[in-house]
Protein backbone atom coordinates (compact mmCIF):
# COMPACT_ATOMS: atom_id res chain seq x y z
CA UNK A 1 -98.85 45.36 328.93
CA UNK A 2 -101.98 44.56 326.98
CA UNK A 3 -102.17 46.32 323.64
CA UNK A 4 -105.41 45.03 322.13
CA UNK A 5 -107.34 41.81 321.70
CA UNK A 6 -107.18 40.15 318.29
CA UNK A 7 -107.93 36.81 316.70
CA UNK A 8 -104.66 35.39 315.45
CA UNK A 9 -103.66 32.26 313.50
CA UNK A 10 -100.23 30.81 314.28
CA UNK A 11 -98.89 28.11 311.98
CA UNK A 12 -96.30 25.77 313.45
CA UNK A 13 -97.46 26.31 317.03
CA UNK A 14 -95.87 23.08 318.27
CA UNK A 15 -92.33 24.47 318.62
CA UNK A 16 -89.92 27.34 318.15
CA UNK A 17 -91.18 30.81 317.35
CA UNK A 18 -94.72 29.54 316.74
CA UNK A 19 -94.94 28.10 320.26
CA UNK A 20 -93.41 31.16 321.91
CA UNK A 21 -95.60 33.52 319.91
CA UNK A 22 -98.79 31.60 320.71
CA UNK A 23 -98.00 31.75 324.44
CA UNK A 24 -97.13 35.46 324.37
CA UNK A 25 -100.27 36.36 322.44
CA UNK A 26 -102.51 34.36 324.79
CA UNK A 27 -100.82 36.05 327.77
CA UNK A 28 -101.79 39.41 326.25
CA UNK A 29 -105.47 38.50 326.00
CA UNK A 30 -105.68 37.55 322.34
CA UNK A 31 -107.66 34.70 320.84
CA UNK A 32 -105.15 32.31 319.28
CA UNK A 33 -105.66 29.43 316.87
CA UNK A 34 -102.53 27.33 316.50
CA UNK A 35 -101.86 24.75 313.84
CA UNK A 36 -99.60 21.73 314.03
CA UNK A 37 -99.15 18.70 311.81
CA UNK A 38 -100.17 16.30 314.56
CA UNK A 39 -101.77 16.91 317.92
CA UNK A 40 -100.79 13.43 319.09
CA UNK A 41 -97.50 11.60 319.23
CA UNK A 42 -94.46 13.78 319.83
CA UNK A 43 -96.66 16.90 320.04
CA UNK A 44 -99.11 15.53 322.60
CA UNK A 45 -97.58 17.26 325.64
CA UNK A 46 -97.24 20.66 323.98
CA UNK A 47 -100.77 20.34 322.57
CA UNK A 48 -102.10 19.73 326.09
CA UNK A 49 -100.14 22.71 327.40
CA UNK A 50 -101.40 25.06 324.69
CA UNK A 51 -104.97 23.86 325.08
CA UNK A 52 -104.79 24.38 328.84
CA UNK A 53 -103.88 28.06 328.41
CA UNK A 54 -106.62 28.66 325.85
CA UNK A 55 -105.02 28.14 322.45
CA UNK A 56 -107.47 26.57 319.98
CA UNK A 57 -105.60 23.84 318.10
CA UNK A 58 -106.10 22.65 314.55
CA UNK A 59 -104.32 19.60 313.15
CA UNK A 60 -103.25 20.47 309.63
CA UNK A 61 -100.25 19.93 307.38
CA UNK A 62 -99.30 23.29 305.87
CA UNK A 63 -97.36 21.53 303.12
CA UNK A 64 -100.54 19.83 301.90
CA UNK A 65 -102.29 23.20 301.69
CA UNK A 66 -99.41 24.65 299.69
CA UNK A 67 -99.37 21.70 297.31
CA UNK A 68 -103.15 21.83 296.81
CA UNK A 69 -103.03 25.58 296.14
CA UNK A 70 -100.09 25.18 293.75
CA UNK A 71 -101.90 22.48 291.76
CA UNK A 72 -105.08 24.58 291.51
CA UNK A 73 -103.21 27.67 290.40
């Protein structure tokens, strides 16, 4: 059942709930951007899988963003 199409950012798309959520949202016709710390190495296979189904991937370390924001605060 397709509810509506949205643009959605999923952090931690390489595993767990992030991975499952990214797949489910893509299956429902949404535009999904998924982040992961590394697109290579241990995440290479899952990155290929997500890319192949239309997830736009961004390599970013969420911890670095938090630390930068905390310092600037």
